Each structure stands twice: as C-alpha cells, then as structure tokens.
C-alpha cells in the first residue's frame, strides 16, 4: 500500500487528524525535552535517568504507531492487507527486541551510576521495563479483534471477486 494513499485517507478523516496531531506534537516535545535534559545532566544518574525517559518515549511512539497502522489498514481502508498480519509479527519481534535491549542497557547503566544514587536505581529500572508496557498490552488486547476483522474483509473481498 502506498504511503500517499495512507496519507490521503488520513487527511479525509478529520477525527484522526485532531486526535493524532496533538499527540504527535506532545510526544515530539517530550522527546526533545529528554534530549535537552540529557545534554544538561551534571551526573551519571541524571544522564541515565533522562536517557531511560527518552527510550521510554521512543518505544511508546513506536508501539503506538504500529497499533495505529493496524487500525488504519483494517478500519480506515476497509480492505484486506497482508500488512496487518505482518505488523502483528513485527510487534511481537519488536517487543522481544525491546526487552533484550532494556536488559543490556540496565546492565550497562548499573556500572556507571554513582553510589549515592543507588537507592534510585529500582525506580529507574521500573520505568525502563514498564514504560511502553501500556501500549504493548493495549495492542495485544485489541489485535485479535483487528485480525478477525481483517479476515472478514478478506472473505468479503474473495466473495466479491
């Protein structure tokens, strides 16, 4: 499916624009703020704390975009696309990759945090491991319905041909 067609469908649907545009601006503002805070950090704890927030925000945007692409392919276009199923597999692999990277980052970070900030490491770890979990759970909660609806669209298209 061409990107221009997806953009054309989104432009035709003003509800999506009013929902997604403020969300995109907010997330861009948060990511830029995290980068700015990383640059202004005075200790390793502040640097890695802001780095974790940056990873968290990027992962939230990534998983939300995959979920919204699946919704767009199924409900906005109302045509069967193999991309919906491919995105399901991409989501699963991305989840595994995120947690592998988070584990490696935690091990790396643990060696650089100053001893006076060691009591704050558990909260940093919680943010790192559970940050994008909300979008992952929402995506996996709604994906069976999306896939079922995509299968119905496929059957309808086969009947009309």
C-alpha atoms as a PDB file:
ATOM      1  CA  UNK A   1       0.000   0.000   0.000  1.00  0.00           C
ATOM      2  CA  UNK A   2       1.404   3.360  -0.991  1.00  0.00           C
ATOM      3  CA  UNK A   3       2.215   5.956   1.626  1.00  0.00           C
ATOM      4  CA  UNK A   4       0.421   8.640  -0.378  1.00  0.00           C
ATOM      5  CA  UNK A   5      -2.791   6.644  -0.234  1.00  0.00           C
ATOM      6  CA  UNK A   6      -2.493   6.259   3.532  1.00  0.00           C
ATOM      7  CA  UNK A   7      -1.881   9.987   3.919  1.00  0.00           C
ATOM      8  CA  UNK A   8      -4.831  10.749   1.632  1.00  0.00           C
ATOM      9  CA  UNK A   9      -7.097   8.533   3.757  1.00  0.00           C
ATOM     10  CA  UNK A  10      -5.919  10.204   6.941  1.00  0.00           C
ATOM     11  CA  UNK A  11      -6.494  13.680   5.501  1.00  0.00           C
ATOM     12  CA  UNK A  12     -10.036  12.655   4.536  1.00  0.00           C
ATOM     13  CA  UNK A  13     -10.713  11.670   8.125  1.00  0.00           C
ATOM     14  CA  UNK A  14     -10.540  14.864  10.250  1.00  0.00           C
ATOM     15  CA  UNK A  15     -11.145  12.992  13.506  1.00  0.00           C
ATOM     16  CA  UNK A  16      -7.829  11.188  13.076  1.00  0.00           C
ATOM     17  CA  UNK A  17      -6.066  14.492  12.377  1.00  0.00           C
ATOM     18  CA  UNK A  18      -7.478  16.143  15.505  1.00  0.00           C
ATOM     19  CA  UNK A  19      -6.512  13.100  17.571  1.00  0.00           C
ATOM     20  CA  UNK A  20      -3.100  12.283  16.124  1.00  0.00           C
ATOM     21  CA  UNK A  21      -1.667  15.747  15.504  1.00  0.00           C
ATOM     22  CA  UNK A  22      -1.746  16.952  19.144  1.00  0.00           C
ATOM     23  CA  UNK A  23      -0.450  13.566  20.243  1.00  0.00           C
ATOM     24  CA  UNK A  24       2.446  13.778  17.776  1.00  0.00           C
ATOM     25  CA  UNK A  25       3.303  17.314  18.920  1.00  0.00           C
ATOM     26  CA  UNK A  26       3.204  16.243  22.574  1.00  0.00           C
ATOM     27  CA  UNK A  27       5.443  13.236  22.012  1.00  0.00           C
ATOM     28  CA  UNK A  28       7.906  15.271  19.922  1.00  0.00           C
ATOM     29  CA  UNK A  29       8.023  17.874  22.699  1.00  0.00           C
ATOM     30  CA  UNK A  30       8.700  15.166  25.296  1.00  0.00           C
ATOM     31  CA  UNK A  31      11.465  13.541  23.215  1.00  0.00           C
ATOM     32  CA  UNK A  32      13.180  16.881  22.571  1.00  0.00           C
ATOM     33  CA  UNK A  33      12.905  17.692  26.288  1.00  0.00           C
ATOM     34  CA  UNK A  34      14.525  14.384  27.218  1.00  0.00           C
ATOM     35  CA  UNK A  35      17.412  15.047  24.833  1.00  0.00           C
ATOM     36  CA  UNK A  36      17.855  18.546  26.235  1.00  0.00           C
ATOM     37  CA  UNK A  37      17.844  17.195  29.795  1.00  0.00           C
ATOM     38  CA  UNK A  38      20.448  14.590  28.843  1.00  0.00           C
ATOM     39  CA  UNK A  39      22.708  17.327  27.498  1.00  0.00           C
ATOM     40  CA  UNK A  40      22.331  19.386  30.676  1.00  0.00           C
ATOM     41  CA  UNK A  41      22.911  16.482  33.094  1.00  0.00           C
ATOM     42  CA  UNK A  42      25.544  17.052  35.765  1.00  0.00           C
ATOM     43  CA  UNK A  43      25.848  13.467  36.984  1.00  0.00           C
ATOM     44  CA  UNK A  44      25.652   9.987  35.519  1.00  0.00           C
ATOM     45  CA  UNK A  45      22.402   9.413  37.396  1.00  0.00           C
ATOM     46  CA  UNK A  46      20.700  12.403  35.753  1.00  0.00           C
ATOM     47  CA  UNK A  47      22.064  11.440  32.353  1.00  0.00           C
ATOM     48  CA  UNK A  48      20.880   7.831  32.534  1.00  0.00           C
ATOM     49  CA  UNK A  49      17.568   8.801  34.109  1.00  0.00           C
ATOM     50  CA  UNK A  50      16.802  11.106  31.183  1.00  0.00           C
ATOM     51  CA  UNK A  51      18.133   8.502  28.767  1.00  0.00           C
ATOM     52  CA  UNK A  52      15.635   5.995  30.167  1.00  0.00           C
ATOM     53  CA  UNK A  53      12.812   8.520  29.717  1.00  0.00           C
ATOM     54  CA  UNK A  54      13.970   9.041  26.128  1.00  0.00           C
ATOM     55  CA  UNK A  55      13.962   5.290  25.446  1.00  0.00           C
ATOM     56  CA  UNK A  56      10.550   5.044  27.092  1.00  0.00           C
ATOM     57  CA  UNK A  57       9.039   7.816  24.954  1.00  0.00           C
ATOM     58  CA  UNK A  58      10.511   6.496  21.718  1.00  0.00           C
ATOM     59  CA  UNK A  59       9.199   3.000  22.488  1.00  0.00           C
ATOM     60  CA  UNK A  60       5.730   4.379  23.285  1.00  0.00           C
ATOM     61  CA  UNK A  61       5.629   6.207  19.960  1.00  0.00           C
ATOM     62  CA  UNK A  62       6.881   3.138  18.093  1.00  0.00           C
ATOM     63  CA  UNK A  63       4.329   0.717  19.565  1.00  0.00           C
ATOM     64  CA  UNK A  64       1.501   3.243  19.212  1.00  0.00           C
ATOM     65  CA  UNK A  65       2.383   3.777  15.534  1.00  0.00           C
ATOM     66  CA  UNK A  66       2.329   0.047  14.838  1.00  0.00           C
ATOM     67  CA  UNK A  67      -1.052  -0.253  16.522  1.00  0.00           C
ATOM     68  CA  UNK A  68      -2.448   2.730  14.609  1.00  0.00           C
ATOM     69  CA  UNK A  69      -1.157   1.331  11.314  1.00  0.00           C
ATOM     70  CA  UNK A  70      -3.021  -1.897  12.002  1.00  0.00           C
ATOM     71  CA  UNK A  71      -6.176   0.054  12.785  1.00  0.00           C
ATOM     72  CA  UNK A  72      -5.740   2.155   9.639  1.00  0.00           C
ATOM     73  CA  UNK A  73      -5.256  -0.863   7.396  1.00  0.00           C
ATOM     74  CA  UNK A  74      -8.295  -2.638   8.799  1.00  0.00           C
ATOM     75  CA  UNK A  75     -10.840   0.045   9.667  1.00  0.00           C
ATOM     76  CA  UNK A  76      -9.994   3.155   7.642  1.00  0.00           C
ATOM     77  CA  UNK A  77      -9.067   1.487   4.343  1.00  0.00           C
ATOM     78  CA  UNK A  78     -11.592  -1.329   4.831  1.00  0.00           C
ATOM     79  CA  UNK A  79      -9.611  -3.599   2.571  1.00  0.00           C
ATOM     80  CA  UNK A  80      -7.714  -6.717   3.439  1.00  0.00           C
ATOM     81  CA  UNK A  81      -3.966  -6.259   3.543  1.00  0.00           C
ATOM     82  CA  UNK A  82      -1.264  -8.737   4.459  1.00  0.00           C
ATOM     83  CA  UNK A  83       0.470  -5.874   6.216  1.00  0.00           C
ATOM     84  CA  UNK A  84      -1.934  -6.177   9.131  1.00  0.00           C
ATOM     85  CA  UNK A  85      -0.670  -9.682   9.832  1.00  0.00           C
ATOM     86  CA  UNK A  86       2.926  -8.699   9.144  1.00  0.00           C
ATOM     87  CA  UNK A  87       2.605  -5.851  11.635  1.00  0.00           C
ATOM     88  CA  UNK A  88       1.411  -8.349  14.232  1.00  0.00           C
ATOM     89  CA  UNK A  89       4.641 -10.301  13.811  1.00  0.00           C
ATOM     90  CA  UNK A  90       6.685  -7.103  13.757  1.00  0.00           C
ATOM     91  CA  UNK A  91       5.031  -6.097  17.029  1.00  0.00           C
ATOM     92  CA  UNK A  92       5.929  -9.416  18.644  1.00  0.00           C
ATOM     93  CA  UNK A  93       9.540  -9.301  17.485  1.00  0.00           C
ATOM     94  CA  UNK A  94       9.806  -5.635  18.490  1.00  0.00           C
ATOM     95  CA  UNK A  95       8.598  -6.454  21.988  1.00  0.00           C
ATOM     96  CA  UNK A  96      11.258  -9.117  22.396  1.00  0.00           C
ATOM     97  CA  UNK A  97      13.954  -6.835  20.993  1.00  0.00           C
ATOM     98  CA  UNK A  98      12.888  -4.001  23.301  1.00  0.00           C
ATOM     99  CA  UNK A  99      13.255  -6.150  26.403  1.00  0.00           C
ATOM    100  CA  UNK A 100      16.604  -7.553  25.283  1.00  0.00           C
ATOM    101  CA  UNK A 101      17.897  -4.020  24.694  1.00  0.00           C
ATOM    102  CA  UNK A 102      16.395  -2.826  28.001  1.00  0.00           C
ATOM    103  CA  UNK A 103      18.175  -5.631  29.838  1.00  0.00           C
ATOM    104  CA  UNK A 104      21.512  -4.804  28.188  1.00  0.00           C
ATOM    105  CA  UNK A 105      21.014  -1.107  28.908  1.00  0.00           C
ATOM    106  CA  UNK A 106      20.224  -1.846  32.561  1.00  0.00           C
ATOM    107  CA  UNK A 107      23.407  -3.901  32.942  1.00  0.00           C
ATOM    108  CA  UNK A 108      25.447  -1.138  31.294  1.00  0.00           C
ATOM    109  CA  UNK A 109      23.804   1.637  33.324  1.00  0.00           C
ATOM    110  CA  UNK A 110      24.246  -0.159  36.631  1.00  0.00           C
ATOM    111  CA  UNK A 111      28.036   0.104  36.365  1.00  0.00           C
ATOM    112  CA  UNK A 112      28.038   3.879  35.837  1.00  0.00           C
ATOM    113  CA  UNK A 113      25.582   5.174  38.443  1.00  0.00           C
ATOM    114  CA  UNK A 114      27.242   6.899  41.390  1.00  0.00           C
ATOM    115  CA  UNK A 115      26.960   5.108  44.765  1.00  0.00           C
ATOM    116  CA  UNK A 116      24.936   7.912  46.355  1.00  0.00           C
ATOM    117  CA  UNK A 117      22.168   7.380  43.769  1.00  0.00           C
ATOM    118  CA  UNK A 118      21.955   3.573  44.036  1.00  0.00           C
ATOM    119  CA  UNK A 119      18.721   3.818  46.028  1.00  0.00           C
ATOM    120  CA  UNK A 120      17.027   5.342  42.951  1.00  0.00           C
ATOM    121  CA  UNK A 121      18.075   2.567  40.553  1.00  0.00           C
ATOM    122  CA  UNK A 122      14.949   0.416  41.200  1.00  0.00           C
ATOM    123  CA  UNK A 123      12.632   3.232  40.123  1.00  0.00           C
ATOM    124  CA  UNK A 124      14.747   3.770  37.005  1.00  0.00           C
ATOM    125  CA  UNK A 125      14.561   0.068  36.251  1.00  0.00           C
ATOM    126  CA  UNK A 126      10.789   0.072  36.707  1.00  0.00           C
ATOM    127  CA  UNK A 127      10.476   2.946  34.244  1.00  0.00           C
ATOM    128  CA  UNK A 128      12.720   1.160  31.763  1.00  0.00           C
ATOM    129  CA  UNK A 129      10.879  -2.163  31.866  1.00  0.00           C
ATOM    130  CA  UNK A 130       7.287  -0.971  32.234  1.00  0.00           C
ATOM    131  CA  UNK A 131       7.303   2.268  30.233  1.00  0.00           C
ATOM    132  CA  UNK A 132       5.878   1.050  26.913  1.00  0.00           C
ATOM    133  CA  UNK A 133       4.061  -1.858  28.563  1.00  0.00           C
ATOM    134  CA  UNK A 134       0.765   0.053  28.451  1.00  0.00           C
ATOM    135  CA  UNK A 135       0.803   0.299  24.653  1.00  0.00           C
ATOM    136  CA  UNK A 136       2.015  -3.273  24.319  1.00  0.00           C
ATOM    137  CA  UNK A 137      -0.882  -4.541  26.436  1.00  0.00           C
ATOM    138  CA  UNK A 138      -3.428  -2.416  24.564  1.00  0.00           C
ATOM    139  CA  UNK A 139      -2.062  -3.609  21.248  1.00  0.00           C
ATOM    140  CA  UNK A 140      -2.144  -7.268  22.235  1.00  0.00           C
ATOM    141  CA  UNK A 141      -5.599  -6.851  23.777  1.00  0.00           C
ATOM    142  CA  UNK A 142      -7.127  -5.443  20.582  1.00  0.00           C
ATOM    143  CA  UNK A 143      -5.070  -7.315  17.978  1.00  0.00           C
ATOM    144  CA  UNK A 144      -7.256 -10.461  17.947  1.00  0.00           C
ATOM    145  CA  UNK A 145     -10.291  -8.313  17.050  1.00  0.00           C
ATOM    146  CA  UNK A 146      -8.324  -6.444  14.396  1.00  0.00           C
ATOM    147  CA  UNK A 147      -7.072  -9.696  12.879  1.00  0.00           C
ATOM    148  CA  UNK A 148     -10.579 -11.178  12.961  1.00  0.00           C
ATOM    149  CA  UNK A 149     -11.971  -8.117  11.206  1.00  0.00           C
ATOM    150  CA  UNK A 150      -9.148  -8.280   8.657  1.00  0.00           C
ATOM    151  CA  UNK A 151     -10.028 -11.917   8.000  1.00  0.00           C
ATOM    152  CA  UNK A 152     -13.692 -10.911   7.454  1.00  0.00           C
ATOM    153  CA  UNK A 153     -12.549  -8.272   4.966  1.00  0.00           C
ATOM    154  CA  UNK A 154     -10.502 -10.902   3.143  1.00  0.00           C
ATOM    155  CA  UNK A 155     -13.506 -13.236   2.926  1.00  0.00           C
ATOM    156  CA  UNK A 156     -15.720 -10.398   1.669  1.00  0.00           C
ATOM    157  CA  UNK A 157     -13.187  -9.485  -0.986  1.00  0.00           C
ATOM    158  CA  UNK A 158     -12.910 -13.109  -2.129  1.00  0.00           C
ATOM    159  CA  UNK A 159     -16.714 -13.315  -2.410  1.00  0.00           C
ATOM    160  CA  UNK A 160     -16.963 -10.159  -4.499  1.00  0.00           C
ATOM    161  CA  UNK A 161     -14.300 -11.348  -6.943  1.00  0.00           C
END
